[in-house]
C-alpha atoms as a PDB file:
ATOM      1  CA  UNK A   1      -7.369  -7.084 -36.767  1.00  0.00           C
ATOM      2  CA  UNK A   2      -9.380  -7.461 -33.561  1.00  0.00           C
ATOM      3  CA  UNK A   3     -12.900  -8.908 -33.882  1.00  0.00           C
ATOM      4  CA  UNK A   4     -14.719  -5.663 -33.066  1.00  0.00           C
ATOM      5  CA  UNK A   5     -12.656  -3.679 -35.564  1.00  0.00           C
ATOM      6  CA  UNK A   6     -13.378  -6.326 -38.183  1.00  0.00           C
ATOM      7  CA  UNK A   7     -17.154  -5.965 -37.741  1.00  0.00           C
ATOM      8  CA  UNK A   8     -17.202  -2.177 -37.451  1.00  0.00           C
ATOM      9  CA  UNK A   9     -15.168  -1.917 -40.647  1.00  0.00           C
ATOM     10  CA  UNK A  10     -18.180  -3.214 -42.588  1.00  0.00           C
ATOM     11  CA  UNK A  11     -21.149  -2.404 -40.331  1.00  0.00           C
ATOM     12  CA  UNK A  12     -22.039   0.830 -38.498  1.00  0.00           C
ATOM     13  CA  UNK A  13     -23.184  -0.907 -35.307  1.00  0.00           C
ATOM     14  CA  UNK A  14     -22.443  -4.169 -33.503  1.00  0.00           C
ATOM     15  CA  UNK A  15     -25.455  -5.419 -31.540  1.00  0.00           C
ATOM     16  CA  UNK A  16     -24.894  -7.351 -28.309  1.00  0.00           C
ATOM     17  CA  UNK A  17     -27.321  -9.678 -26.560  1.00  0.00           C
ATOM     18  CA  UNK A  18     -29.406  -8.735 -23.518  1.00  0.00           C
ATOM     19  CA  UNK A  19     -29.877 -10.022 -19.992  1.00  0.00           C
ATOM     20  CA  UNK A  20     -28.942 -13.649 -19.473  1.00  0.00           C
ATOM     21  CA  UNK A  21     -30.303 -14.415 -16.006  1.00  0.00           C
ATOM     22  CA  UNK A  22     -33.698 -12.888 -16.811  1.00  0.00           C
ATOM     23  CA  UNK A  23     -34.152 -15.297 -19.691  1.00  0.00           C
ATOM     24  CA  UNK A  24     -33.010 -18.279 -17.622  1.00  0.00           C
ATOM     25  CA  UNK A  25     -35.599 -17.338 -15.001  1.00  0.00           C
ATOM     26  CA  UNK A  26     -38.243 -17.097 -17.718  1.00  0.00           C
ATOM     27  CA  UNK A  27     -37.312 -20.668 -18.629  1.00  0.00           C
ATOM     28  CA  UNK A  28     -37.857 -21.831 -15.041  1.00  0.00           C
ATOM     29  CA  UNK A  29     -34.415 -21.487 -13.396  1.00  0.00           C
ATOM     30  CA  UNK A  30     -34.098 -20.486  -9.743  1.00  0.00           C
ATOM     31  CA  UNK A  31     -30.967 -18.306  -9.610  1.00  0.00           C
ATOM     32  CA  UNK A  32     -31.078 -17.412  -5.919  1.00  0.00           C
ATOM     33  CA  UNK A  33     -27.639 -18.901  -5.426  1.00  0.00           C
ATOM     34  CA  UNK A  34     -24.062 -17.606  -4.923  1.00  0.00           C
ATOM     35  CA  UNK A  35     -23.173 -19.100  -8.316  1.00  0.00           C
ATOM     36  CA  UNK A  36     -26.092 -17.220  -9.942  1.00  0.00           C
ATOM     37  CA  UNK A  37     -26.388 -18.129 -13.638  1.00  0.00           C
ATOM     38  CA  UNK A  38     -23.174 -20.172 -13.492  1.00  0.00           C
ATOM     39  CA  UNK A  39     -24.999 -22.897 -11.569  1.00  0.00           C
ATOM     40  CA  UNK A  40     -26.977 -23.651 -14.735  1.00  0.00           C
ATOM     41  CA  UNK A  41     -23.703 -24.814 -16.325  1.00  0.00           C
ATOM     42  CA  UNK A  42     -23.921 -27.656 -13.809  1.00  0.00           C
ATOM     43  CA  UNK A  43     -27.661 -28.254 -13.746  1.00  0.00           C
ATOM     44  CA  UNK A  44     -29.040 -27.616 -17.226  1.00  0.00           C
ATOM     45  CA  UNK A  45     -26.613 -26.404 -19.910  1.00  0.00           C
ATOM     46  CA  UNK A  46     -29.271 -26.949 -22.593  1.00  0.00           C
ATOM     47  CA  UNK A  47     -31.134 -23.925 -21.214  1.00  0.00           C
ATOM     48  CA  UNK A  48     -27.999 -21.823 -21.645  1.00  0.00           C
ATOM     49  CA  UNK A  49     -27.860 -22.898 -25.273  1.00  0.00           C
ATOM     50  CA  UNK A  50     -31.526 -21.996 -25.704  1.00  0.00           C
ATOM     51  CA  UNK A  51     -30.981 -18.456 -24.394  1.00  0.00           C
ATOM     52  CA  UNK A  52     -28.008 -17.927 -26.712  1.00  0.00           C
ATOM     53  CA  UNK A  53     -30.078 -19.105 -29.671  1.00  0.00           C
ATOM     54  CA  UNK A  54     -32.913 -16.717 -28.747  1.00  0.00           C
ATOM     55  CA  UNK A  55     -30.505 -13.783 -28.871  1.00  0.00           C
ATOM     56  CA  UNK A  56     -28.861 -14.827 -32.126  1.00  0.00           C
ATOM     57  CA  UNK A  57     -32.309 -15.094 -33.689  1.00  0.00           C
ATOM     58  CA  UNK A  58     -33.247 -11.687 -32.274  1.00  0.00           C
ATOM     59  CA  UNK A  59     -30.363 -10.142 -34.208  1.00  0.00           C
ATOM     60  CA  UNK A  60     -27.426 -10.121 -31.795  1.00  0.00           C
ATOM     61  CA  UNK A  61     -24.023  -9.877 -33.474  1.00  0.00           C
ATOM     62  CA  UNK A  62     -22.390 -11.150 -30.289  1.00  0.00           C
ATOM     63  CA  UNK A  63     -23.512 -13.226 -27.320  1.00  0.00           C
ATOM     64  CA  UNK A  64     -21.815 -13.205 -23.933  1.00  0.00           C
ATOM     65  CA  UNK A  65     -21.133 -16.533 -22.254  1.00  0.00           C
ATOM     66  CA  UNK A  66     -22.517 -17.827 -18.955  1.00  0.00           C
ATOM     67  CA  UNK A  67     -19.153 -17.390 -17.219  1.00  0.00           C
ATOM     68  CA  UNK A  68     -19.752 -14.059 -15.445  1.00  0.00           C
ATOM     69  CA  UNK A  69     -19.918 -15.739 -12.044  1.00  0.00           C
ATOM     70  CA  UNK A  70     -18.118 -18.928 -13.038  1.00  0.00           C
ATOM     71  CA  UNK A  71     -14.855 -19.110 -11.102  1.00  0.00           C
ATOM     72  CA  UNK A  72     -12.632 -21.897  -9.832  1.00  0.00           C
ATOM     73  CA  UNK A  73     -13.108 -20.599  -6.298  1.00  0.00           C
ATOM     74  CA  UNK A  74     -16.878 -20.458  -6.565  1.00  0.00           C
ATOM     75  CA  UNK A  75     -17.298 -23.915  -8.040  1.00  0.00           C
ATOM     76  CA  UNK A  76     -14.830 -25.498  -5.622  1.00  0.00           C
ATOM     77  CA  UNK A  77     -16.635 -23.906  -2.683  1.00  0.00           C
ATOM     78  CA  UNK A  78     -19.672 -25.844  -3.951  1.00  0.00           C
ATOM     79  CA  UNK A  79     -17.674 -29.083  -3.745  1.00  0.00           C
ATOM     80  CA  UNK A  80     -16.756 -29.324  -7.428  1.00  0.00           C
ATOM     81  CA  UNK A  81     -13.231 -30.552  -8.144  1.00  0.00           C
ATOM     82  CA  UNK A  82     -10.688 -28.180  -9.649  1.00  0.00           C
ATOM     83  CA  UNK A  83     -10.632 -30.161 -12.892  1.00  0.00           C
ATOM     84  CA  UNK A  84     -14.410 -30.153 -13.153  1.00  0.00           C
ATOM     85  CA  UNK A  85     -14.498 -26.428 -12.400  1.00  0.00           C
ATOM     86  CA  UNK A  86     -12.178 -25.850 -15.338  1.00  0.00           C
ATOM     87  CA  UNK A  87     -14.354 -28.004 -17.583  1.00  0.00           C
ATOM     88  CA  UNK A  88     -17.472 -26.052 -16.585  1.00  0.00           C
ATOM     89  CA  UNK A  89     -15.808 -22.702 -17.223  1.00  0.00           C
ATOM     90  CA  UNK A  90     -14.611 -23.829 -20.650  1.00  0.00           C
ATOM     91  CA  UNK A  91     -18.028 -25.288 -21.438  1.00  0.00           C
ATOM     92  CA  UNK A  92     -19.578 -21.820 -21.252  1.00  0.00           C
ATOM     93  CA  UNK A  93     -17.584 -20.867 -24.351  1.00  0.00           C
ATOM     94  CA  UNK A  94     -18.080 -24.196 -26.086  1.00  0.00           C
ATOM     95  CA  UNK A  95     -21.873 -24.010 -25.702  1.00  0.00           C
ATOM     96  CA  UNK A  96     -22.061 -20.508 -27.163  1.00  0.00           C
ATOM     97  CA  UNK A  97     -19.782 -21.404 -30.080  1.00  0.00           C
ATOM     98  CA  UNK A  98     -21.741 -24.552 -30.916  1.00  0.00           C
ATOM     99  CA  UNK A  99     -25.032 -22.641 -30.910  1.00  0.00           C
ATOM    100  CA  UNK A 100     -23.517 -19.843 -33.002  1.00  0.00           C
ATOM    101  CA  UNK A 101     -22.108 -22.220 -35.603  1.00  0.00           C
ATOM    102  CA  UNK A 102     -25.371 -24.140 -35.893  1.00  0.00           C
ATOM    103  CA  UNK A 103     -27.369 -20.916 -36.155  1.00  0.00           C
ATOM    104  CA  UNK A 104     -25.040 -19.438 -38.763  1.00  0.00           C
ATOM    105  CA  UNK A 105     -25.120 -22.548 -40.933  1.00  0.00           C
ATOM    106  CA  UNK A 106     -28.904 -22.114 -41.219  1.00  0.00           C
ATOM    107  CA  UNK A 107     -29.076 -18.306 -41.292  1.00  0.00           C
ATOM    108  CA  UNK A 108     -30.749 -17.213 -44.519  1.00  0.00           C
ATOM    109  CA  UNK A 109     -29.628 -13.589 -44.293  1.00  0.00           C
ATOM    110  CA  UNK A 110     -25.868 -14.080 -43.949  1.00  0.00           C
ATOM    111  CA  UNK A 111     -25.196 -11.221 -46.363  1.00  0.00           C
ATOM    112  CA  UNK A 112     -27.231  -8.820 -44.208  1.00  0.00           C
ATOM    113  CA  UNK A 113     -25.244  -9.240 -40.983  1.00  0.00           C
ATOM    114  CA  UNK A 114     -21.777 -10.241 -39.754  1.00  0.00           C
ATOM    115  CA  UNK A 115     -21.060 -13.725 -38.496  1.00  0.00           C
ATOM    116  CA  UNK A 116     -21.821 -13.351 -34.766  1.00  0.00           C
ATOM    117  CA  UNK A 117     -19.075 -13.361 -32.166  1.00  0.00           C
ATOM    118  CA  UNK A 118     -18.799 -15.241 -28.878  1.00  0.00           C
ATOM    119  CA  UNK A 119     -17.564 -13.077 -26.010  1.00  0.00           C
ATOM    120  CA  UNK A 120     -16.365 -14.912 -22.904  1.00  0.00           C
ATOM    121  CA  UNK A 121     -17.660 -13.074 -19.849  1.00  0.00           C
ATOM    122  CA  UNK A 122     -15.110 -12.151 -17.187  1.00  0.00           C
ATOM    123  CA  UNK A 123     -16.995 -10.832 -14.203  1.00  0.00           C
ATOM    124  CA  UNK A 124     -15.364  -8.813 -11.419  1.00  0.00           C
ATOM    125  CA  UNK A 125     -13.933 -10.203  -8.199  1.00  0.00           C
ATOM    126  CA  UNK A 126     -17.039  -8.937  -6.424  1.00  0.00           C
ATOM    127  CA  UNK A 127     -19.244 -11.272  -8.465  1.00  0.00           C
ATOM    128  CA  UNK A 128     -17.441 -14.238  -6.911  1.00  0.00           C
ATOM    129  CA  UNK A 129     -17.989 -12.745  -3.443  1.00  0.00           C
ATOM    130  CA  UNK A 130     -21.732 -12.475  -4.236  1.00  0.00           C
ATOM    131  CA  UNK A 131     -22.097  -9.658  -1.700  1.00  0.00           C
ATOM    132  CA  UNK A 132     -22.766  -6.727  -4.012  1.00  0.00           C
ATOM    133  CA  UNK A 133     -19.196  -5.429  -3.872  1.00  0.00           C
ATOM    134  CA  UNK A 134     -19.018  -5.368  -7.679  1.00  0.00           C
ATOM    135  CA  UNK A 135     -21.171  -2.256  -7.270  1.00  0.00           C
ATOM    136  CA  UNK A 136     -18.663  -0.672  -4.890  1.00  0.00           C
ATOM    137  CA  UNK A 137     -15.189  -1.921  -5.818  1.00  0.00           C
ATOM    138  CA  UNK A 138     -13.885  -1.741  -2.262  1.00  0.00           C
ATOM    139  CA  UNK A 139     -12.314  -5.182  -2.175  1.00  0.00           C
ATOM    140  CA  UNK A 140      -9.270  -4.396  -0.064  1.00  0.00           C
ATOM    141  CA  UNK A 141      -7.023  -6.236  -2.581  1.00  0.00           C
ATOM    142  CA  UNK A 142      -4.071  -4.810  -4.450  1.00  0.00           C
ATOM    143  CA  UNK A 143      -3.471  -5.048  -8.201  1.00  0.00           C
ATOM    144  CA  UNK A 144      -1.295  -8.166  -7.952  1.00  0.00           C
ATOM    145  CA  UNK A 145      -3.900 -10.031  -5.901  1.00  0.00           C
ATOM    146  CA  UNK A 146      -6.636  -9.137  -8.368  1.00  0.00           C
ATOM    147  CA  UNK A 147      -4.459 -10.296 -11.268  1.00  0.00           C
ATOM    148  CA  UNK A 148      -3.836 -13.574  -9.480  1.00  0.00           C
ATOM    149  CA  UNK A 149      -7.582 -14.072  -9.007  1.00  0.00           C
ATOM    150  CA  UNK A 150      -8.349 -13.473 -12.682  1.00  0.00           C
ATOM    151  CA  UNK A 151      -5.385 -15.310 -14.255  1.00  0.00           C
ATOM    152  CA  UNK A 152      -6.481 -18.940 -14.071  1.00  0.00           C
ATOM    153  CA  UNK A 153     -10.077 -18.366 -15.119  1.00  0.00           C
ATOM    154  CA  UNK A 154      -9.068 -16.070 -17.986  1.00  0.00           C
ATOM    155  CA  UNK A 155      -6.540 -18.627 -19.196  1.00  0.00           C
ATOM    156  CA  UNK A 156      -9.196 -21.350 -19.152  1.00  0.00           C
ATOM    157  CA  UNK A 157     -11.626 -19.156 -21.073  1.00  0.00           C
ATOM    158  CA  UNK A 158      -8.982 -18.165 -23.622  1.00  0.00           C
ATOM    159  CA  UNK A 159      -7.985 -21.799 -24.199  1.00  0.00           C
ATOM    160  CA  UNK A 160     -11.636 -22.483 -25.097  1.00  0.00           C
ATOM    161  CA  UNK A 161     -11.117 -20.026 -28.004  1.00  0.00           C
ATOM    162  CA  UNK A 162     -13.792 -17.345 -27.764  1.00  0.00           C
ATOM    163  CA  UNK A 163     -13.612 -14.500 -30.250  1.00  0.00           C
ATOM    164  CA  UNK A 164     -13.092 -11.915 -27.509  1.00  0.00           C
ATOM    165  CA  UNK A 165     -13.348 -11.438 -23.738  1.00  0.00           C
ATOM    166  CA  UNK A 166     -16.111  -9.323 -22.204  1.00  0.00           C
ATOM    167  CA  UNK A 167     -14.563  -7.964 -18.997  1.00  0.00           C
ATOM    168  CA  UNK A 168     -17.739  -6.487 -17.589  1.00  0.00           C
ATOM    169  CA  UNK A 169     -19.321  -4.743 -14.623  1.00  0.00           C
ATOM    170  CA  UNK A 170     -15.869  -3.650 -13.483  1.00  0.00           C
ATOM    171  CA  UNK A 171     -16.310  -1.240 -10.542  1.00  0.00           C
ATOM    172  CA  UNK A 172     -12.848   0.286 -10.219  1.00  0.00           C
ATOM    173  CA  UNK A 173      -9.847   1.178 -12.357  1.00  0.00           C
ATOM    174  CA  UNK A 174      -7.547  -0.987 -10.238  1.00  0.00           C
ATOM    175  CA  UNK A 175      -9.403  -4.127 -11.314  1.00  0.00           C
ATOM    176  CA  UNK A 176      -9.349  -3.046 -14.959  1.00  0.00           C
ATOM    177  CA  UNK A 177      -5.596  -2.575 -14.660  1.00  0.00           C
ATOM    178  CA  UNK A 178      -5.235  -6.034 -13.115  1.00  0.00           C
ATOM    179  CA  UNK A 179      -7.219  -7.567 -15.970  1.00  0.00           C
ATOM    180  CA  UNK A 180      -5.042  -5.786 -18.544  1.00  0.00           C
ATOM    181  CA  UNK A 181      -1.991  -7.208 -16.762  1.00  0.00           C
ATOM    182  CA  UNK A 182      -3.373 -10.734 -17.215  1.00  0.00           C
ATOM    183  CA  UNK A 183      -4.396 -10.013 -20.793  1.00  0.00           C
ATOM    184  CA  UNK A 184      -0.807  -9.074 -21.650  1.00  0.00           C
ATOM    185  CA  UNK A 185       0.166 -12.691 -20.923  1.00  0.00           C
ATOM    186  CA  UNK A 186      -2.101 -13.738 -23.799  1.00  0.00           C
ATOM    187  CA  UNK A 187      -1.061 -11.394 -26.618  1.00  0.00           C
ATOM    188  CA  UNK A 188      -3.364 -12.901 -29.251  1.00  0.00           C
ATOM    189  CA  UNK A 189      -6.555 -12.248 -27.273  1.00  0.00           C
ATOM    190  CA  UNK A 190      -8.598  -9.044 -27.268  1.00  0.00           C
ATOM    191  CA  UNK A 191     -11.099  -7.814 -24.697  1.00  0.00           C
ATOM    192  CA  UNK A 192     -13.518  -5.036 -24.054  1.00  0.00           C
ATOM    193  CA  UNK A 193     -13.531  -3.393 -20.635  1.00  0.00           C
ATOM    194  CA  UNK A 194     -16.964  -2.339 -19.421  1.00  0.00           C
ATOM    195  CA  UNK A 195     -17.393  -0.500 -16.120  1.00  0.00           C
ATOM    196  CA  UNK A 196     -20.422  -0.226 -13.851  1.00  0.00           C
ATOM    197  CA  UNK A 197     -21.232   3.429 -13.119  1.00  0.00           C
ATOM    198  CA  UNK A 198     -22.938   5.273 -10.280  1.00  0.00           C
ATOM    199  CA  UNK A 199     -23.851   8.415 -12.245  1.00  0.00           C
ATOM    200  CA  UNK A 200     -23.178  10.132 -15.539  1.00  0.00           C
ATOM    201  CA  UNK A 201     -19.485  10.728 -14.900  1.00  0.00           C
ATOM    202  CA  UNK A 202     -18.184   8.275 -12.290  1.00  0.00           C
ATOM    203  CA  UNK A 203     -17.805   4.500 -12.082  1.00  0.00           C
ATOM    204  CA  UNK A 204     -18.992   2.789  -8.915  1.00  0.00           C
ATOM    205  CA  UNK A 205     -15.699   3.324  -7.091  1.00  0.00           C
ATOM    206  CA  UNK A 206     -16.144   7.082  -7.549  1.00  0.00           C
ATOM    207  CA  UNK A 207     -13.367   7.411 -10.146  1.00  0.00           C
ATOM    208  CA  UNK A 208     -14.070   9.451 -13.266  1.00  0.00           C
ATOM    209  CA  UNK A 209     -14.844   7.246 -16.246  1.00  0.00           C
ATOM    210  CA  UNK A 210     -13.015   9.736 -18.451  1.00  0.00           C
ATOM    211  CA  UNK A 211      -9.822   9.014 -16.508  1.00  0.00           C
ATOM    212  CA  UNK A 212     -10.403   5.249 -16.773  1.00  0.00           C
ATOM    213  CA  UNK A 213     -10.896   5.531 -20.527  1.00  0.00           C
ATOM    214  CA  UNK A 214      -7.738   7.608 -20.837  1.00  0.00           C
ATOM    215  CA  UNK A 215      -5.663   4.990 -18.989  1.00  0.00           C
ATOM    216  CA  UNK A 216      -7.017   2.216 -21.233  1.00  0.00           C
ATOM    217  CA  UNK A 217      -6.724   4.143 -24.486  1.00  0.00           C
ATOM    218  CA  UNK A 218      -3.205   3.019 -25.431  1.00  0.00           C
ATOM    219  CA  UNK A 219      -3.696  -0.614 -24.399  1.00  0.00           C
ATOM    220  CA  UNK A 220      -3.636  -2.410 -27.744  1.00  0.00           C
ATOM    221  CA  UNK A 221      -5.508  -5.515 -26.581  1.00  0.00           C
ATOM    222  CA  UNK A 222      -8.437  -3.463 -25.300  1.00  0.00           C
ATOM    223  CA  UNK A 223     -10.771  -3.422 -28.296  1.00  0.00           C
ATOM    224  CA  UNK A 224     -13.499  -1.240 -26.756  1.00  0.00           C
ATOM    225  CA  UNK A 225     -14.305   0.666 -23.571  1.00  0.00           C
ATOM    226  CA  UNK A 226     -17.701   1.230 -22.069  1.00  0.00           C
ATOM    227  CA  UNK A 227     -20.385   0.749 -19.464  1.00  0.00           C
ATOM    228  CA  UNK A 228     -22.873  -1.952 -18.498  1.00  0.00           C
ATOM    229  CA  UNK A 229     -25.215  -2.814 -15.613  1.00  0.00           C
ATOM    230  CA  UNK A 230     -25.888   0.887 -15.145  1.00  0.00           C
ATOM    231  CA  UNK A 231     -29.015   3.035 -15.124  1.00  0.00           C
ATOM    232  CA  UNK A 232     -30.213   3.839 -18.598  1.00  0.00           C
ATOM    233  CA  UNK A 233     -30.514   7.585 -17.979  1.00  0.00           C
ATOM    234  CA  UNK A 234     -26.739   7.973 -17.476  1.00  0.00           C
ATOM    235  CA  UNK A 235     -25.728   6.556 -20.853  1.00  0.00           C
ATOM    236  CA  UNK A 236     -25.529   9.745 -22.894  1.00  0.00           C
ATOM    237  CA  UNK A 237     -23.262  11.604 -20.477  1.00  0.00           C
ATOM    238  CA  UNK A 238     -21.121   8.501 -19.889  1.00  0.00           C
ATOM    239  CA  UNK A 239     -20.580   8.097 -23.626  1.00  0.00           C
ATOM    240  CA  UNK A 240     -19.527  11.733 -23.870  1.00  0.00           C
ATOM    241  CA  UNK A 241     -17.119  11.313 -20.943  1.00  0.00           C
ATOM    242  CA  UNK A 242     -15.559   8.153 -22.405  1.00  0.00           C
ATOM    243  CA  UNK A 243     -15.036   9.868 -25.735  1.00  0.00           C
ATOM    244  CA  UNK A 244     -13.089  12.663 -24.006  1.00  0.00           C
ATOM    245  CA  UNK A 245     -10.623  10.072 -22.707  1.00  0.00           C
ATOM    246  CA  UNK A 246     -10.417   7.607 -25.583  1.00  0.00           C
ATOM    247  CA  UNK A 247     -10.872   7.179 -29.307  1.00  0.00           C
ATOM    248  CA  UNK A 248     -11.561   3.437 -29.030  1.00  0.00           C
ATOM    249  CA  UNK A 249     -15.003   2.045 -29.928  1.00  0.00           C
ATOM    250  CA  UNK A 250     -17.529   2.568 -27.140  1.00  0.00           C
ATOM    251  CA  UNK A 251     -19.644  -0.312 -25.806  1.00  0.00           C
ATOM    252  CA  UNK A 252     -22.825   0.268 -23.785  1.00  0.00           C
ATOM    253  CA  UNK A 253     -25.344  -2.213 -22.440  1.00  0.00           C
ATOM    254  CA  UNK A 254     -27.324  -0.641 -19.614  1.00  0.00           C
ATOM    255  CA  UNK A 255     -30.145  -2.039 -17.534  1.00  0.00           C
ATOM    256  CA  UNK A 256     -33.655  -1.904 -18.937  1.00  0.00           C
ATOM    257  CA  UNK A 257     -34.856   1.186 -17.095  1.00  0.00           C
ATOM    258  CA  UNK A 258     -36.536  -0.658 -14.242  1.00  0.00           C
ATOM    259  CA  UNK A 259     -35.369   0.042 -10.692  1.00  0.00           C
ATOM    260  CA  UNK A 260     -34.038  -2.687  -8.389  1.00  0.00           C
ATOM    261  CA  UNK A 261     -35.045  -2.832  -4.715  1.00  0.00           C
ATOM    262  CA  UNK A 262     -32.084  -4.571  -3.082  1.00  0.00           C
ATOM    263  CA  UNK A 263     -33.980  -5.014   0.204  1.00  0.00           C
ATOM    264  CA  UNK A 264     -36.959  -6.818  -1.285  1.00  0.00           C
ATOM    265  CA  UNK A 265     -34.945  -8.220  -4.219  1.00  0.00           C
ATOM    266  CA  UNK A 266     -37.574  -7.138  -6.718  1.00  0.00           C
ATOM    267  CA  UNK A 267     -37.709  -4.838  -9.736  1.00  0.00           C
ATOM    268  CA  UNK A 268     -40.118  -1.921 -10.097  1.00  0.00           C
ATOM    269  CA  UNK A 269     -41.252   0.051 -13.111  1.00  0.00           C
ATOM    270  CA  UNK A 270     -41.165  -0.973 -16.738  1.00  0.00           C
ATOM    271  CA  UNK A 271     -39.272  -0.423 -19.956  1.00  0.00           C
ATOM    272  CA  UNK A 272     -40.742  -1.045 -23.385  1.00  0.00           C
ATOM    273  CA  UNK A 273     -38.486  -2.601 -25.987  1.00  0.00           C
ATOM    274  CA  UNK A 274     -39.509   0.042 -28.512  1.00  0.00           C
ATOM    275  CA  UNK A 275     -38.469   2.917 -26.256  1.00  0.00           C
ATOM    276  CA  UNK A 276     -35.210   1.164 -25.405  1.00  0.00           C
ATOM    277  CA  UNK A 277     -34.408   0.834 -29.105  1.00  0.00           C
ATOM    278  CA  UNK A 278     -35.029   4.540 -29.667  1.00  0.00           C
ATOM    279  CA  UNK A 279     -32.660   5.287 -26.775  1.00  0.00           C
ATOM    280  CA  UNK A 280     -30.107   2.922 -28.317  1.00  0.00           C
ATOM    281  CA  UNK A 281     -30.115   4.901 -31.546  1.00  0.00           C
ATOM    282  CA  UNK A 282     -29.490   8.069 -29.538  1.00  0.00           C
ATOM    283  CA  UNK A 283     -26.485   6.387 -27.877  1.00  0.00           C
ATOM    284  CA  UNK A 284     -25.245   5.500 -31.340  1.00  0.00           C
ATOM    285  CA  UNK A 285     -25.582   9.127 -32.440  1.00  0.00           C
ATOM    286  CA  UNK A 286     -23.527  10.145 -29.393  1.00  0.00           C
ATOM    287  CA  UNK A 287     -20.728   7.777 -30.399  1.00  0.00           C
ATOM    288  CA  UNK A 288     -21.468   4.271 -29.090  1.00  0.00           C
ATOM    289  CA  UNK A 289     -21.109   1.590 -31.768  1.00  0.00           C
ATOM    290  CA  UNK A 290     -21.464  -1.588 -29.695  1.00  0.00           C
ATOM    291  CA  UNK A 291     -24.886  -1.668 -28.055  1.00  0.00           C
ATOM    292  CA  UNK A 292     -26.932  -4.255 -26.176  1.00  0.00           C
ATOM    293  CA  UNK A 293     -28.704  -4.728 -22.876  1.00  0.00           C
ATOM    294  CA  UNK A 294     -27.982  -5.798 -19.318  1.00  0.00           C
ATOM    295  CA  UNK A 295     -30.350  -6.527 -16.411  1.00  0.00           C
ATOM    296  CA  UNK A 296     -34.011  -7.068 -17.343  1.00  0.00           C
ATOM    297  CA  UNK A 297     -33.547  -6.612 -21.076  1.00  0.00           C
ATOM    298  CA  UNK A 298     -34.840  -9.397 -23.296  1.00  0.00           C
ATOM    299  CA  UNK A 299     -34.554 -10.751 -26.863  1.00  0.00           C
ATOM    300  CA  UNK A 300     -37.436  -8.401 -27.684  1.00  0.00           C
ATOM    301  CA  UNK A 301     -35.280  -5.400 -26.762  1.00  0.00           C
ATOM    302  CA  UNK A 302     -32.448  -6.681 -28.961  1.00  0.00           C
ATOM    303  CA  UNK A 303     -34.820  -7.431 -31.841  1.00  0.00           C
ATOM    304  CA  UNK A 304     -36.185  -3.866 -31.719  1.00  0.00           C
ATOM    305  CA  UNK A 305     -32.644  -2.440 -31.803  1.00  0.00           C
ATOM    306  CA  UNK A 306     -31.804  -4.636 -34.805  1.00  0.00           C
ATOM    307  CA  UNK A 307     -34.961  -3.604 -36.658  1.00  0.00           C
ATOM    308  CA  UNK A 308     -34.481   0.105 -35.963  1.00  0.00           C
ATOM    309  CA  UNK A 309     -30.769  -0.023 -36.843  1.00  0.00           C
ATOM    310  CA  UNK A 310     -31.484  -1.643 -40.221  1.00  0.00           C
ATOM    311  CA  UNK A 311     -34.119   1.006 -40.895  1.00  0.00           C
ATOM    312  CA  UNK A 312     -32.040   4.042 -39.910  1.00  0.00           C
ATOM    313  CA  UNK A 313     -28.374   3.208 -40.540  1.00  0.00           C
END
């Protein structure tokens, strides 16, 4: 049984963590760097552990590792050796597992929640490029080249023994297909595939998310299909579209509701954790069962979801 199926068999909802980089910045990290949050694996891994612990304590049933932008190519471009790059990538899983195990050994309410999972983040090719192309998907690479890019990192992550892979912010079906190709080489590992979307029906490449979900529906190692790093207001229609193409569990973790100004590199607007939690329950009613947050969400957002879910479900 895959890890998501195992949790959803006994619990109506699986709660993910929220934004990772936001919390690192709150703890004093400067992430204006091509490696983004992955540079903290080099500089201060204890802060990564602290963020994971904050989310476990907030009620997350799964945390996502700091490997979104951690690639062999990216680390080696920084001057890190290939062997050290592999160690850093694997350490992202090891840190999250160590924090989870320590937290769970002291968790007083073990009977009230599932033992949390560790999901190893697999970011898109565009995240390595650090040029925003993960929000377009126009890489100019074919399926084989994308598979080759993902193979070594995915193997390293899988050897570190996470519970599942979080293949996230995927902008085009071609890259999802390439990831599934790599996944088939590791038949004991499961993954969720989460796309980034431009509106309520289309992923960032312009392809219909319903069609993407339909292609993924018979892939046995794909444990869930969904959307992340996407505007909050599109969630309901995206959930409905995914359900038309697939009967797999649906995962959603949108941005907080604030708007990003790419020119000034600042966020505008606000999103209260209470309102976000109410929205999350509406996504659940529409069919999403795996729910968390992406950019600008915090442990407070996740805590409010956990509180409201316990009250209503």
